[in-house]
Each structure stands twice: as structure tokens, then as C-alpha cells.
Amino acid sequence: MANLRLEELSGSNALAANKLTLRRGQEQFVIPPTYAIADAYLDATTSWPRVVLKDDVVVGFIRGNFDEDAAEEEFRSCVWRVHVAANQQGQGVGTFAVLALAEEARLRGFTRLSALWEPGDDGPEAFFTNMGFAVERETQYGEKFGVLAL
């Protein structure tokens, strides 16, 4: 992971982030980056959008959200989106991005980081649980909230 770095989402890298592809079957579990990019600018005070670069090539996108006043605790410090290019999955890109987000959460004084995902064979549940997220509850739609203690 030594050649990975984060860069704030900007006009110069947003197109590359938008062009990231997924493995077949994963599309149903991820909102397209276009929506994530648009969401990122709805509230710039709480959003944390970053691209992951590997040797200056965009290989991933992560959006976190930090809002200590959010009504639901799960949304105070959370992973909003993680998107890793299909040909880069399994190489530590997603782990790098989530660990960077967790460190940002710690620096901001949060003691936990949450993530929300839909269960399914091609979904991200194994990724999150392998990183240490513990399922805390399910939503009324069957999505799972996982929490990583910081």
C-alpha cells in the first residue's frame, strides 16, 4: 500500500473517479460515483470525498461524512461510499481508504466509524467485517449497520 495516496475530490480528478468500473454483480450494491460526487457538495462542512491514487492513477473513491449533530449516531461518523476499480480490488485499495477515513474520524474526536451495506453474495459485507466492523443492527429494508471501534 506504500504507493497509494489520497487526494481531495476535485474538478481535475472527478472524471476519473466517475469512470471507475466494478466487478460484474457489484453494481446493485453501489450508488454510481456521479451521485456520490453530487452528494459530496450538498454539505461541504460534513462531507469528506477523496480519490485513491496508485502511482498517480485514480483507482478508488471514498466518501465519509462527519456530523456530530446528526440525529442518528450511525450517521455522525460514517463511510458513505467506497468504490474500488474492478482490476484493483483485493489489492488493499479499499482497506487503505477506509483506514484513512477512520484516522480522520479519530483526529476529529470520534470513537466509532459506521458503514451501511446491503447483504448479498457480491456485496461488501465480507470486506467490512474483515476490517473489523461489527454488525450492530439492520434497517427496516434489511441493510446492515456495522460499526468499527476507534
Protein backbone atom coordinates (compact mmCIF):
# COMPACT_ATOMS: atom_id res chain seq x y z
CA MET A 1 0.00 0.00 0.00
CA ALA A 2 3.06 2.25 0.01
CA ASN A 3 2.28 3.69 -3.43
CA LEU A 4 -1.32 4.61 -2.52
CA ARG A 5 -2.33 8.12 -1.54
CA LEU A 6 -5.47 10.16 -1.09
CA GLU A 7 -6.39 13.35 -2.85
CA GLU A 8 -9.39 15.55 -2.25
CA LEU A 9 -12.06 15.14 -4.92
CA SER A 10 -11.72 17.99 -7.40
CA GLY A 11 -12.52 19.00 -10.94
CA SER A 12 -9.23 17.51 -12.09
CA ASN A 13 -9.94 14.01 -10.78
CA ALA A 14 -13.74 13.73 -10.69
CA LEU A 15 -13.98 12.39 -14.25
CA ALA A 16 -11.52 9.59 -13.45
CA ALA A 17 -13.49 8.77 -10.28
CA ASN A 18 -16.69 8.65 -12.30
CA LYS A 19 -15.15 6.20 -14.78
CA LEU A 20 -14.23 3.59 -12.15
CA THR A 21 -15.69 0.19 -13.02
CA LEU A 22 -16.94 -2.60 -10.78
CA ARG A 23 -16.87 -6.34 -10.99
CA ARG A 24 -19.95 -7.92 -12.52
CA GLY A 25 -22.71 -8.19 -9.93
CA GLN A 26 -21.47 -5.37 -7.72
CA GLU A 27 -23.45 -2.60 -9.40
CA GLN A 28 -26.53 -3.29 -7.30
CA PHE A 29 -24.59 -2.54 -4.11
CA VAL A 30 -23.07 0.81 -5.05
CA ILE A 31 -24.64 4.09 -5.97
CA PRO A 32 -22.80 5.36 -9.04
CA PRO A 33 -19.94 7.74 -8.20
CA THR A 34 -21.77 10.51 -10.08
CA TYR A 35 -24.35 10.55 -7.29
CA ALA A 36 -21.68 10.35 -4.64
CA ILE A 37 -19.83 13.24 -6.24
CA ALA A 38 -23.01 15.31 -6.39
CA ASP A 39 -23.86 14.40 -2.79
CA ALA A 40 -20.40 15.42 -1.68
CA TYR A 41 -21.13 19.04 -2.45
CA LEU A 42 -24.54 19.23 -0.83
CA ASP A 43 -22.96 19.90 2.56
CA ALA A 44 -19.27 20.61 2.27
CA THR A 45 -18.96 21.10 6.01
CA THR A 46 -19.65 17.46 6.85
CA SER A 47 -18.60 15.58 3.71
CA TRP A 48 -15.14 14.07 3.17
CA PRO A 49 -14.78 13.00 -0.52
CA ARG A 50 -11.41 11.59 -1.61
CA VAL A 51 -9.99 9.68 -4.52
CA VAL A 52 -7.38 6.98 -4.02
CA LEU A 53 -4.43 7.22 -6.36
CA LYS A 54 -1.96 4.47 -7.14
CA ASP A 55 1.07 5.84 -8.96
CA ASP A 56 -0.97 8.93 -9.92
CA VAL A 57 -3.86 6.88 -11.39
CA VAL A 58 -7.30 7.09 -9.74
CA VAL A 59 -8.15 3.56 -8.56
CA GLY A 60 -10.75 4.29 -5.90
CA PHE A 61 -13.16 6.73 -4.35
CA ILE A 62 -14.28 7.11 -0.74
CA ARG A 63 -16.72 9.50 0.81
CA GLY A 64 -17.01 9.86 4.52
CA ASN A 65 -19.34 12.02 6.49
CA PHE A 66 -18.72 13.68 9.83
CA ASP A 67 -21.66 15.33 11.55
CA GLU A 68 -21.54 15.30 15.33
CA ASP A 69 -25.08 16.72 15.41
CA ALA A 70 -26.70 14.00 13.27
CA ALA A 71 -29.87 12.67 14.88
CA GLU A 72 -28.83 9.04 14.37
CA GLU A 73 -25.48 8.03 15.83
CA GLU A 74 -24.71 5.86 12.78
CA PHE A 75 -24.51 8.99 10.61
CA ARG A 76 -22.20 11.03 12.85
CA SER A 77 -19.00 9.40 11.62
CA CYS A 78 -19.55 7.09 8.67
CA VAL A 79 -18.35 5.57 5.45
CA TRP A 80 -20.81 6.90 2.89
CA ARG A 81 -19.31 5.34 -0.25
CA VAL A 82 -16.37 3.13 -1.14
CA HIS A 83 -15.71 2.34 -4.77
CA VAL A 84 -12.62 0.48 -5.98
CA ALA A 85 -11.87 -0.21 -9.64
CA ALA A 86 -12.56 -3.84 -10.56
CA ASN A 87 -8.96 -4.53 -11.55
CA GLN A 88 -7.69 -3.11 -8.24
CA GLN A 89 -9.98 -4.99 -5.85
CA GLY A 90 -8.23 -7.33 -3.45
CA GLN A 91 -5.04 -5.24 -3.52
CA GLY A 92 -5.61 -3.14 -0.40
CA VAL A 93 -7.11 -0.06 -2.04
CA GLY A 94 -10.41 -0.19 -0.14
CA THR A 95 -8.67 -1.04 3.12
CA PHE A 96 -6.30 1.89 2.65
CA ALA A 97 -9.22 4.25 2.01
CA VAL A 98 -11.30 3.10 4.98
CA LEU A 99 -8.30 3.20 7.34
CA ALA A 100 -7.58 6.77 6.20
CA LEU A 101 -11.19 7.69 6.87
CA ALA A 102 -11.00 6.03 10.29
CA GLU A 103 -7.88 8.05 11.10
CA GLU A 104 -9.66 11.25 10.05
CA ALA A 105 -12.56 10.30 12.32
CA ARG A 106 -10.14 9.76 15.24
CA LEU A 107 -8.50 13.13 14.58
CA ARG A 108 -11.93 14.74 14.72
CA GLY A 109 -12.62 13.13 18.10
CA PHE A 110 -14.96 10.33 17.07
CA THR A 111 -14.70 6.94 18.78
CA ARG A 112 -16.51 4.88 16.15
CA LEU A 113 -16.97 4.71 12.41
CA SER A 114 -20.09 3.19 10.90
CA ALA A 115 -20.94 1.76 7.49
CA LEU A 116 -24.22 0.73 5.90
CA TRP A 117 -24.46 -2.05 3.33
CA GLU A 118 -26.89 -4.40 1.67
CA PRO A 119 -26.22 -8.08 2.24
CA GLY A 120 -25.66 -10.25 -0.81
CA ASP A 121 -23.23 -12.62 -2.46
CA ASP A 122 -21.36 -9.89 -4.36
CA GLY A 123 -21.84 -7.22 -1.72
CA PRO A 124 -19.33 -5.58 0.60
CA GLU A 125 -20.24 -7.35 3.84
CA ALA A 126 -17.13 -9.58 3.95
CA PHE A 127 -14.94 -6.55 3.25
CA PHE A 128 -16.38 -4.58 6.16
CA THR A 129 -16.49 -7.45 8.64
CA ASN A 130 -12.92 -8.47 7.76
CA MET A 131 -11.86 -4.91 8.56
CA GLY A 132 -13.43 -5.25 12.00
CA PHE A 133 -16.86 -3.69 11.52
CA ALA A 134 -19.35 -5.46 13.78
CA VAL A 135 -22.97 -5.55 12.66
CA GLU A 136 -24.92 -3.51 15.18
CA ARG A 137 -28.38 -3.61 13.65
CA GLU A 138 -30.42 -3.99 10.48
CA THR A 139 -32.61 -1.33 8.92
CA GLN A 140 -36.24 -1.90 8.05
CA TYR A 141 -35.07 -2.65 4.49
CA GLY A 142 -32.62 -5.36 5.56
CA GLU A 143 -29.49 -3.25 5.20
CA LYS A 144 -26.84 -3.74 7.86
CA PHE A 145 -25.19 -1.09 10.01
CA GLY A 146 -21.69 -2.06 11.02
CA VAL A 147 -19.51 -0.22 13.49
CA LEU A 148 -15.74 -0.08 13.78
CA ALA A 149 -14.47 0.94 17.22
CA LEU A 150 -11.77 3.58 17.01
